[in-house]
PDB file of N, CA and C in Angstrom:
ATOM      1  N   MET A   1     -12.964 -10.508  -8.073  1.00  0.00           N
ATOM      2  CA  MET A   1     -11.782 -11.190  -7.595  1.00  0.00           C
ATOM      3  C   MET A   1     -12.213 -12.231  -6.562  1.00  0.00           C
ATOM      4  N   ASN A   2     -11.606 -13.397  -6.658  1.00  0.00           N
ATOM      5  CA  ASN A   2     -11.863 -14.412  -5.642  1.00  0.00           C
ATOM      6  C   ASN A   2     -10.546 -15.027  -5.192  1.00  0.00           C
ATOM      7  N   ILE A   3     -10.615 -15.842  -4.188  1.00  0.00           N
ATOM      8  CA  ILE A   3      -9.417 -16.387  -3.555  1.00  0.00           C
ATOM      9  C   ILE A   3      -8.554 -17.204  -4.523  1.00  0.00           C
ATOM     10  N   GLU A   4      -9.163 -17.752  -5.572  1.00  0.00           N
ATOM     11  CA  GLU A   4      -8.416 -18.566  -6.533  1.00  0.00           C
ATOM     12  C   GLU A   4      -7.655 -17.740  -7.571  1.00  0.00           C
ATOM     13  N   ASN A   5      -7.988 -16.464  -7.710  1.00  0.00           N
ATOM     14  CA  ASN A   5      -7.313 -15.671  -8.745  1.00  0.00           C
ATOM     15  C   ASN A   5      -6.851 -14.303  -8.247  1.00  0.00           C
ATOM     16  N   ILE A   6      -6.154 -14.301  -7.131  1.00  0.00           N
ATOM     17  CA  ILE A   6      -5.584 -13.062  -6.611  1.00  0.00           C
ATOM     18  C   ILE A   6      -4.474 -12.623  -7.572  1.00  0.00           C
ATOM     19  N   PRO A   7      -4.508 -11.386  -8.031  1.00  0.00           N
ATOM     20  CA  PRO A   7      -3.483 -10.913  -8.959  1.00  0.00           C
ATOM     21  C   PRO A   7      -2.073 -10.981  -8.359  1.00  0.00           C
ATOM     22  N   GLU A   8      -1.091 -11.170  -9.227  1.00  0.00           N
ATOM     23  CA  GLU A   8       0.307 -11.245  -8.801  1.00  0.00           C
ATOM     24  C   GLU A   8       0.746 -10.011  -8.027  1.00  0.00           C
ATOM     25  N   ALA A   9       0.118  -8.891  -8.302  1.00  0.00           N
ATOM     26  CA  ALA A   9       0.485  -7.646  -7.634  1.00  0.00           C
ATOM     27  C   ALA A   9       0.321  -7.736  -6.121  1.00  0.00           C
ATOM     28  N   PHE A  10      -0.542  -8.622  -5.658  1.00  0.00           N
ATOM     29  CA  PHE A  10      -0.816  -8.734  -4.229  1.00  0.00           C
ATOM     30  C   PHE A  10      -0.222  -9.991  -3.605  1.00  0.00           C
ATOM     31  N   CYS A  11       0.585 -10.711  -4.351  1.00  0.00           N
ATOM     32  CA  CYS A  11       1.136 -11.979  -3.868  1.00  0.00           C
ATOM     33  C   CYS A  11       2.568 -11.864  -3.350  1.00  0.00           C
ATOM     34  N   VAL A  12       3.130 -10.687  -3.430  1.00  0.00           N
ATOM     35  CA  VAL A  12       4.486 -10.436  -2.932  1.00  0.00           C
ATOM     36  C   VAL A  12       4.381  -9.277  -1.943  1.00  0.00           C
ATOM     37  N   ALA A  13       4.935  -9.455  -0.754  1.00  0.00           N
ATOM     38  CA  ALA A  13       4.804  -8.451   0.304  1.00  0.00           C
ATOM     39  C   ALA A  13       5.280  -7.069  -0.129  1.00  0.00           C
ATOM     40  N   LEU A  14       6.388  -6.990  -0.836  1.00  0.00           N
ATOM     41  CA  LEU A  14       6.907  -5.685  -1.251  1.00  0.00           C
ATOM     42  C   LEU A  14       5.942  -4.979  -2.198  1.00  0.00           C
ATOM     43  N   ARG A  15       5.363  -5.707  -3.128  1.00  0.00           N
ATOM     44  CA  ARG A  15       4.395  -5.093  -4.051  1.00  0.00           C
ATOM     45  C   ARG A  15       3.192  -4.562  -3.285  1.00  0.00           C
ATOM     46  N   LEU A  16       2.737  -5.329  -2.314  1.00  0.00           N
ATOM     47  CA  LEU A  16       1.590  -4.908  -1.508  1.00  0.00           C
ATOM     48  C   LEU A  16       1.939  -3.658  -0.696  1.00  0.00           C
ATOM     49  N   LYS A  17       3.141  -3.594  -0.162  1.00  0.00           N
ATOM     50  CA  LYS A  17       3.578  -2.401   0.579  1.00  0.00           C
ATOM     51  C   LYS A  17       3.603  -1.180  -0.336  1.00  0.00           C
ATOM     52  N   ILE A  18       4.101  -1.356  -1.551  1.00  0.00           N
ATOM     53  CA  ILE A  18       4.172  -0.249  -2.501  1.00  0.00           C
ATOM     54  C   ILE A  18       2.772   0.276  -2.814  1.00  0.00           C
ATOM     55  N   ILE A  19       1.878  -0.627  -3.167  1.00  0.00           N
ATOM     56  CA  ILE A  19       0.509  -0.226  -3.516  1.00  0.00           C
ATOM     57  C   ILE A  19      -0.162   0.460  -2.339  1.00  0.00           C
ATOM     58  N   THR A  20      -0.012  -0.100  -1.160  1.00  0.00           N
ATOM     59  CA  THR A  20      -0.619   0.476   0.040  1.00  0.00           C
ATOM     60  C   THR A  20      -0.083   1.883   0.292  1.00  0.00           C
ATOM     61  N   ALA A  21       1.220   2.076   0.098  1.00  0.00           N
ATOM     62  CA  ALA A  21       1.814   3.393   0.309  1.00  0.00           C
ATOM     63  C   ALA A  21       1.291   4.421  -0.689  1.00  0.00           C
ATOM     64  N   LEU A  22       0.967   3.983  -1.892  1.00  0.00           N
ATOM     65  CA  LEU A  22       0.516   4.910  -2.937  1.00  0.00           C
ATOM     66  C   LEU A  22      -0.970   5.235  -2.864  1.00  0.00           C
ATOM     67  N   VAL A  23      -1.730   4.486  -2.085  1.00  0.00           N
ATOM     68  CA  VAL A  23      -3.173   4.733  -1.994  1.00  0.00           C
ATOM     69  C   VAL A  23      -3.436   6.131  -1.442  1.00  0.00           C
ATOM     70  N   SER A  24      -2.661   6.562  -0.472  1.00  0.00           N
ATOM     71  CA  SER A  24      -2.918   7.858   0.150  1.00  0.00           C
ATOM     72  C   SER A  24      -2.351   9.039  -0.632  1.00  0.00           C
ATOM     73  N   SER A  25      -1.224   8.821  -1.330  1.00  0.00           N
ATOM     74  CA  SER A  25      -0.646   9.914  -2.125  1.00  0.00           C
ATOM     75  C   SER A  25       0.486   9.401  -3.004  1.00  0.00           C
ATOM     76  N   ALA A  26       0.877  10.230  -3.964  1.00  0.00           N
ATOM     77  CA  ALA A  26       2.025   9.904  -4.810  1.00  0.00           C
ATOM     78  C   ALA A  26       3.276   9.909  -3.937  1.00  0.00           C
ATOM     79  N   ARG A  27       4.251   9.099  -4.324  1.00  0.00           N
ATOM     80  CA  ARG A  27       5.492   8.998  -3.543  1.00  0.00           C
ATOM     81  C   ARG A  27       6.690   8.961  -4.485  1.00  0.00           C
ATOM     82  N   THR A  28       7.788   9.499  -4.022  1.00  0.00           N
ATOM     83  CA  THR A  28       9.026   9.414  -4.784  1.00  0.00           C
ATOM     84  C   THR A  28       9.671   8.049  -4.535  1.00  0.00           C
ATOM     85  N   PHE A  29      10.640   7.722  -5.384  1.00  0.00           N
ATOM     86  CA  PHE A  29      11.375   6.474  -5.205  1.00  0.00           C
ATOM     87  C   PHE A  29      12.012   6.444  -3.821  1.00  0.00           C
ATOM     88  N   ALA A  30      12.614   7.557  -3.414  1.00  0.00           N
ATOM     89  CA  ALA A  30      13.273   7.623  -2.101  1.00  0.00           C
ATOM     90  C   ALA A  30      12.273   7.402  -0.970  1.00  0.00           C
ATOM     91  N   GLN A  31      11.094   7.992  -1.084  1.00  0.00           N
ATOM     92  CA  GLN A  31      10.065   7.793  -0.052  1.00  0.00           C
ATOM     93  C   GLN A  31       9.630   6.333   0.009  1.00  0.00           C
ATOM     94  N   LEU A  32       9.425   5.721  -1.162  1.00  0.00           N
ATOM     95  CA  LEU A  32       9.017   4.311  -1.183  1.00  0.00           C
ATOM     96  C   LEU A  32      10.112   3.415  -0.618  1.00  0.00           C
ATOM     97  N   ARG A  33      11.346   3.758  -0.895  1.00  0.00           N
ATOM     98  CA  ARG A  33      12.456   2.973  -0.355  1.00  0.00           C
ATOM     99  C   ARG A  33      12.470   3.062   1.167  1.00  0.00           C
ATOM    100  N   GLU A  34      12.233   4.247   1.701  1.00  0.00           N
ATOM    101  CA  GLU A  34      12.198   4.428   3.150  1.00  0.00           C
ATOM    102  C   GLU A  34      11.013   3.686   3.776  1.00  0.00           C
ATOM    103  N   ILE A  35       9.857   3.788   3.155  1.00  0.00           N
ATOM    104  CA  ILE A  35       8.646   3.139   3.674  1.00  0.00           C
ATOM    105  C   ILE A  35       8.783   1.620   3.662  1.00  0.00           C
ATOM    106  N   THR A  36       9.281   1.089   2.560  1.00  0.00           N
ATOM    107  CA  THR A  36       9.324  -0.365   2.392  1.00  0.00           C
ATOM    108  C   THR A  36      10.581  -1.006   2.964  1.00  0.00           C
ATOM    109  N   GLN A  37      11.624  -0.214   3.159  1.00  0.00           N
ATOM    110  CA  GLN A  37      12.920  -0.725   3.625  1.00  0.00           C
ATOM    111  C   GLN A  37      13.516  -1.738   2.652  1.00  0.00           C
ATOM    112  N   ALA A  38      13.153  -1.622   1.383  1.00  0.00           N
ATOM    113  CA  ALA A  38      13.641  -2.533   0.344  1.00  0.00           C
ATOM    114  C   ALA A  38      14.974  -2.036  -0.199  1.00  0.00           C
ATOM    115  N   THR A  39      15.720  -2.942  -0.803  1.00  0.00           N
ATOM    116  CA  THR A  39      16.941  -2.527  -1.478  1.00  0.00           C
ATOM    117  C   THR A  39      16.548  -1.757  -2.733  1.00  0.00           C
ATOM    118  N   GLN A  40      17.444  -0.935  -3.210  1.00  0.00           N
ATOM    119  CA  GLN A  40      17.171  -0.133  -4.397  1.00  0.00           C
ATOM    120  C   GLN A  40      16.843  -1.023  -5.591  1.00  0.00           C
ATOM    121  N   GLY A  41      17.611  -2.093  -5.774  1.00  0.00           N
ATOM    122  CA  GLY A  41      17.398  -2.988  -6.910  1.00  0.00           C
ATOM    123  C   GLY A  41      16.064  -3.704  -6.852  1.00  0.00           C
ATOM    124  N   ASN A  42      15.723  -4.266  -5.694  1.00  0.00           N
ATOM    125  CA  ASN A  42      14.464  -4.994  -5.552  1.00  0.00           C
ATOM    126  C   ASN A  42      13.272  -4.053  -5.723  1.00  0.00           C
ATOM    127  N   LEU A  43      13.360  -2.868  -5.132  1.00  0.00           N
ATOM    128  CA  LEU A  43      12.271  -1.899  -5.269  1.00  0.00           C
ATOM    129  C   LEU A  43      12.081  -1.518  -6.732  1.00  0.00           C
ATOM    130  N   SER A  44      13.175  -1.280  -7.418  1.00  0.00           N
ATOM    131  CA  SER A  44      13.111  -0.905  -8.831  1.00  0.00           C
ATOM    132  C   SER A  44      12.440  -1.981  -9.674  1.00  0.00           C
ATOM    133  N   VAL A  45      12.804  -3.231  -9.439  1.00  0.00           N
ATOM    134  CA  VAL A  45      12.215  -4.356 -10.181  1.00  0.00           C
ATOM    135  C   VAL A  45      10.709  -4.432  -9.933  1.00  0.00           C
ATOM    136  N   GLN A  46      10.298  -4.318  -8.678  1.00  0.00           N
ATOM    137  CA  GLN A  46       8.871  -4.438  -8.348  1.00  0.00           C
ATOM    138  C   GLN A  46       8.072  -3.251  -8.884  1.00  0.00           C
ATOM    139  N   LEU A  47       8.645  -2.052  -8.834  1.00  0.00           N
ATOM    140  CA  LEU A  47       7.964  -0.881  -9.391  1.00  0.00           C
ATOM    141  C   LEU A  47       7.776  -1.034 -10.897  1.00  0.00           C
ATOM    142  N   THR A  48       8.789  -1.559 -11.565  1.00  0.00           N
ATOM    143  CA  THR A  48       8.688  -1.779 -13.011  1.00  0.00           C
ATOM    144  C   THR A  48       7.572  -2.755 -13.331  1.00  0.00           C
ATOM    145  N   LYS A  49       7.485  -3.861 -12.594  1.00  0.00           N
ATOM    146  CA  LYS A  49       6.419  -4.840 -12.819  1.00  0.00           C
ATOM    147  C   LYS A  49       5.050  -4.210 -12.604  1.00  0.00           C
ATOM    148  N   LEU A  50       4.888  -3.485 -11.504  1.00  0.00           N
ATOM    149  CA  LEU A  50       3.589  -2.874 -11.216  1.00  0.00           C
ATOM    150  C   LEU A  50       3.208  -1.853 -12.278  1.00  0.00           C
ATOM    151  N   GLU A  51       4.189  -1.145 -12.794  1.00  0.00           N
ATOM    152  CA  GLU A  51       3.903  -0.176 -13.858  1.00  0.00           C
ATOM    153  C   GLU A  51       3.523  -0.901 -15.150  1.00  0.00           C
ATOM    154  N   GLU A  52       4.236  -1.962 -15.483  1.00  0.00           N
ATOM    155  CA  GLU A  52       3.908  -2.742 -16.686  1.00  0.00           C
ATOM    156  C   GLU A  52       2.507  -3.334 -16.597  1.00  0.00           C
ATOM    157  N   TRP A  53       2.089  -3.727 -15.423  1.00  0.00           N
ATOM    158  CA  TRP A  53       0.759  -4.314 -15.227  1.00  0.00           C
ATOM    159  C   TRP A  53      -0.339  -3.263 -15.126  1.00  0.00           C
ATOM    160  N   GLY A  54       0.013  -1.983 -15.107  1.00  0.00           N
ATOM    161  CA  GLY A  54      -0.971  -0.910 -15.088  1.00  0.00           C
ATOM    162  C   GLY A  54      -1.430  -0.477 -13.715  1.00  0.00           C
ATOM    163  N   TYR A  55      -0.731  -0.884 -12.665  1.00  0.00           N
ATOM    164  CA  TYR A  55      -1.125  -0.523 -11.302  1.00  0.00           C
ATOM    165  C   TYR A  55      -0.650   0.865 -10.896  1.00  0.00           C
ATOM    166  N   LEU A  56       0.414   1.324 -11.527  1.00  0.00           N
ATOM    167  CA  LEU A  56       0.940   2.647 -11.191  1.00  0.00           C
ATOM    168  C   LEU A  56       1.582   3.288 -12.403  1.00  0.00           C
ATOM    169  N   THR A  57       1.791   4.586 -12.293  1.00  0.00           N
ATOM    170  CA  THR A  57       2.504   5.331 -13.334  1.00  0.00           C
ATOM    171  C   THR A  57       3.689   6.034 -12.673  1.00  0.00           C
ATOM    172  N   SER A  58       4.666   6.382 -13.493  1.00  0.00           N
ATOM    173  CA  SER A  58       5.815   7.099 -12.967  1.00  0.00           C
ATOM    174  C   SER A  58       6.037   8.362 -13.777  1.00  0.00           C
ATOM    175  N   GLU A  59       6.579   9.348 -13.121  1.00  0.00           N
ATOM    176  CA  GLU A  59       6.922  10.603 -13.772  1.00  0.00           C
ATOM    177  C   GLU A  59       8.324  10.985 -13.334  1.00  0.00           C
ATOM    178  N   LYS A  60       9.202  11.199 -14.325  1.00  0.00           N
ATOM    179  CA  LYS A  60      10.590  11.556 -14.024  1.00  0.00           C
ATOM    180  C   LYS A  60      10.814  13.026 -14.340  1.00  0.00           C
ATOM    181  N   VAL A  61      11.462  13.710 -13.413  1.00  0.00           N
ATOM    182  CA  VAL A  61      11.844  15.099 -13.623  1.00  0.00           C
ATOM    183  C   VAL A  61      13.306  15.262 -13.186  1.00  0.00           C
ATOM    184  N   ILE A  62      13.969  16.245 -13.766  1.00  0.00           N
ATOM    185  CA  ILE A  62      15.338  16.558 -13.362  1.00  0.00           C
ATOM    186  C   ILE A  62      15.253  17.673 -12.318  1.00  0.00           C
ATOM    187  N   GLU A  63      15.811  17.399 -11.154  1.00  0.00           N
ATOM    188  CA  GLU A  63      15.787  18.363 -10.068  1.00  0.00           C
ATOM    189  C   GLU A  63      17.198  18.463  -9.490  1.00  0.00           C
ATOM    190  N   LYS A  64      17.793  19.618  -9.586  1.00  0.00           N
ATOM    191  CA  LYS A  64      19.171  19.830  -9.114  1.00  0.00           C
ATOM    192  C   LYS A  64      20.131  18.824  -9.738  1.00  0.00           C
ATOM    193  N   LYS A  65      20.004  18.641 -11.039  1.00  0.00           N
ATOM    194  CA  LYS A  65      20.850  17.750 -11.839  1.00  0.00           C
ATOM    195  C   LYS A  65      20.707  16.277 -11.470  1.00  0.00           C
ATOM    196  N   LYS A  66      19.644  15.927 -10.769  1.00  0.00           N
ATOM    197  CA  LYS A  66      19.378  14.533 -10.427  1.00  0.00           C
ATOM    198  C   LYS A  66      17.973  14.167 -10.906  1.00  0.00           C
ATOM    199  N   THR A  67      17.816  12.925 -11.305  1.00  0.00           N
ATOM    200  CA  THR A  67      16.497  12.452 -11.722  1.00  0.00           C
ATOM    201  C   THR A  67      15.667  12.117 -10.488  1.00  0.00           C
ATOM    202  N   LYS A  68      14.457  12.639 -10.459  1.00  0.00           N
ATOM    203  CA  LYS A  68      13.528  12.359  -9.364  1.00  0.00           C
ATOM    204  C   LYS A  68      12.306  11.681  -9.978  1.00  0.00           C
ATOM    205  N   THR A  69      12.020  10.472  -9.541  1.00  0.00           N
ATOM    206  CA  THR A  69      10.890   9.725 -10.072  1.00  0.00           C
ATOM    207  C   THR A  69       9.783   9.674  -9.027  1.00  0.00           C
ATOM    208  N   THR A  70       8.585  10.045  -9.450  1.00  0.00           N
ATOM    209  CA  THR A  70       7.419  10.018  -8.568  1.00  0.00           C
ATOM    210  C   THR A  70       6.433   9.002  -9.111  1.00  0.00           C
ATOM    211  N   TYR A  71       5.893   8.191  -8.216  1.00  0.00           N
ATOM    212  CA  TYR A  71       4.957   7.134  -8.585  1.00  0.00           C
ATOM    213  C   TYR A  71       3.565   7.456  -8.059  1.00  0.00           C
ATOM    214  N   THR A  72       2.566   7.136  -8.877  1.00  0.00           N
ATOM    215  CA  THR A  72       1.167   7.379  -8.540  1.00  0.00           C
ATOM    216  C   THR A  72       0.367   6.135  -8.877  1.00  0.00           C
ATOM    217  N   ILE A  73      -0.551   5.760  -8.007  1.00  0.00           N
ATOM    218  CA  ILE A  73      -1.413   4.610  -8.287  1.00  0.00           C
ATOM    219  C   ILE A  73      -2.409   5.011  -9.375  1.00  0.00           C
ATOM    220  N   THR A  74      -2.712   4.104 -10.277  1.00  0.00           N
ATOM    221  CA  THR A  74      -3.685   4.365 -11.345  1.00  0.00           C
ATOM    222  C   THR A  74      -5.097   4.054 -10.855  1.00  0.00           C
ATOM    223  N   ASP A  75      -6.094   4.472 -11.623  1.00  0.00           N
ATOM    224  CA  ASP A  75      -7.481   4.119 -11.280  1.00  0.00           C
ATOM    225  C   ASP A  75      -7.640   2.600 -11.260  1.00  0.00           C
ATOM    226  N   PHE A  76      -7.030   1.921 -12.235  1.00  0.00           N
ATOM    227  CA  PHE A  76      -7.078   0.458 -12.275  1.00  0.00           C
ATOM    228  C   PHE A  76      -6.449  -0.129 -11.018  1.00  0.00           C
ATOM    229  N   GLY A  77      -5.285   0.384 -10.637  1.00  0.00           N
ATOM    230  CA  GLY A  77      -4.601  -0.114  -9.451  1.00  0.00           C
ATOM    231  C   GLY A  77      -5.436   0.084  -8.200  1.00  0.00           C
ATOM    232  N   LEU A  78      -6.080   1.237  -8.093  1.00  0.00           N
ATOM    233  CA  LEU A  78      -6.920   1.517  -6.931  1.00  0.00           C
ATOM    234  C   LEU A  78      -8.137   0.595  -6.897  1.00  0.00           C
ATOM    235  N   ARG A  79      -8.764   0.379  -8.048  1.00  0.00           N
ATOM    236  CA  ARG A  79      -9.928  -0.527  -8.105  1.00  0.00           C
ATOM    237  C   ARG A  79      -9.518  -1.952  -7.720  1.00  0.00           C
ATOM    238  N   GLN A  80      -8.367  -2.393  -8.224  1.00  0.00           N
ATOM    239  CA  GLN A  80      -7.883  -3.741  -7.900  1.00  0.00           C
ATOM    240  C   GLN A  80      -7.579  -3.860  -6.410  1.00  0.00           C
ATOM    241  N   PHE A  81      -6.971  -2.824  -5.831  1.00  0.00           N
ATOM    242  CA  PHE A  81      -6.662  -2.835  -4.408  1.00  0.00           C
ATOM    243  C   PHE A  81      -7.947  -2.891  -3.589  1.00  0.00           C
ATOM    244  N   GLU A  82      -8.939  -2.106  -3.971  1.00  0.00           N
ATOM    245  CA  GLU A  82     -10.227  -2.120  -3.268  1.00  0.00           C
ATOM    246  C   GLU A  82     -10.872  -3.499  -3.353  1.00  0.00           C
ATOM    247  N   ALA A  83     -10.806  -4.137  -4.510  1.00  0.00           N
ATOM    248  CA  ALA A  83     -11.359  -5.486  -4.666  1.00  0.00           C
ATOM    249  C   ALA A  83     -10.598  -6.481  -3.795  1.00  0.00           C
ATOM    250  N   TYR A  84      -9.295  -6.321  -3.696  1.00  0.00           N
ATOM    251  CA  TYR A  84      -8.470  -7.194  -2.855  1.00  0.00           C
ATOM    252  C   TYR A  84      -8.848  -7.033  -1.383  1.00  0.00           C
ATOM    253  N   VAL A  85      -9.022  -5.799  -0.945  1.00  0.00           N
ATOM    254  CA  VAL A  85      -9.423  -5.534   0.437  1.00  0.00           C
ATOM    255  C   VAL A  85     -10.801  -6.128   0.717  1.00  0.00           C
ATOM    256  N   GLU A  86     -11.730  -5.983  -0.225  1.00  0.00           N
ATOM    257  CA  GLU A  86     -13.067  -6.571  -0.063  1.00  0.00           C
ATOM    258  C   GLU A  86     -12.988  -8.088   0.038  1.00  0.00           C
ATOM    259  N   LEU A  87     -12.122  -8.693  -0.760  1.00  0.00           N
ATOM    260  CA  LEU A  87     -11.928 -10.137  -0.698  1.00  0.00           C
ATOM    261  C   LEU A  87     -11.419 -10.545   0.685  1.00  0.00           C
ATOM    262  N   LEU A  88     -10.436  -9.842   1.191  1.00  0.00           N
ATOM    263  CA  LEU A  88      -9.904 -10.158   2.521  1.00  0.00           C
ATOM    264  C   LEU A  88     -10.978  -9.994   3.598  1.00  0.00           C
ATOM    265  N   GLN A  89     -11.780  -8.943   3.487  1.00  0.00           N
ATOM    266  CA  GLN A  89     -12.851  -8.733   4.448  1.00  0.00           C
ATOM    267  C   GLN A  89     -13.863  -9.874   4.406  1.00  0.00           C
ATOM    268  N   SER A  90     -14.187 -10.333   3.218  1.00  0.00           N
ATOM    269  CA  SER A  90     -15.161 -11.434   3.092  1.00  0.00           C
ATOM    270  C   SER A  90     -14.604 -12.723   3.684  1.00  0.00           C
ATOM    271  N   VAL A  91     -13.305 -12.945   3.517  1.00  0.00           N
ATOM    272  CA  VAL A  91     -12.687 -14.148   4.095  1.00  0.00           C
ATOM    273  C   VAL A  91     -12.704 -14.075   5.621  1.00  0.00           C
ATOM    274  N   LEU A  92     -12.419 -12.918   6.146  1.00  0.00           N
ATOM    275  CA  LEU A  92     -12.377 -12.745   7.604  1.00  0.00           C
ATOM    276  C   LEU A  92     -13.765 -12.825   8.247  1.00  0.00           C
ATOM    277  N   GLN A  93     -14.804 -12.515   7.504  1.00  0.00           N
ATOM    278  CA  GLN A  93     -16.157 -12.541   8.043  1.00  0.00           C
ATOM    279  C   GLN A  93     -16.757 -13.930   8.075  1.00  0.00           C
ATOM    280  N   LYS A  94     -16.105 -14.880   7.412  1.00  0.00           N
ATOM    281  CA  LYS A  94     -16.665 -16.242   7.355  1.00  0.00           C
ATOM    282  C   LYS A  94     -16.409 -16.990   8.629  1.00  0.00           C
TER     283      LYS A  94
END
């Protein structure tokens, strides 16, 4: 990864917040909403994009008659995030 081709996943603050939150552990939609302070609609749209691009996966379960969705970063998403962090570090060291 270089400065000229940063993936779209890292070009929107909300997407970056989502990925950063998932690096440490899986999170539910409600947890991500609390962490990011995003609206439900905007968060949903960004999660869908990140899932389509292969950065995260989702798992839906029915709990107390309500759907609970949990998101997990993929190996690809983690590798891309690590490359992004390395890129930022290299820029800061110059």
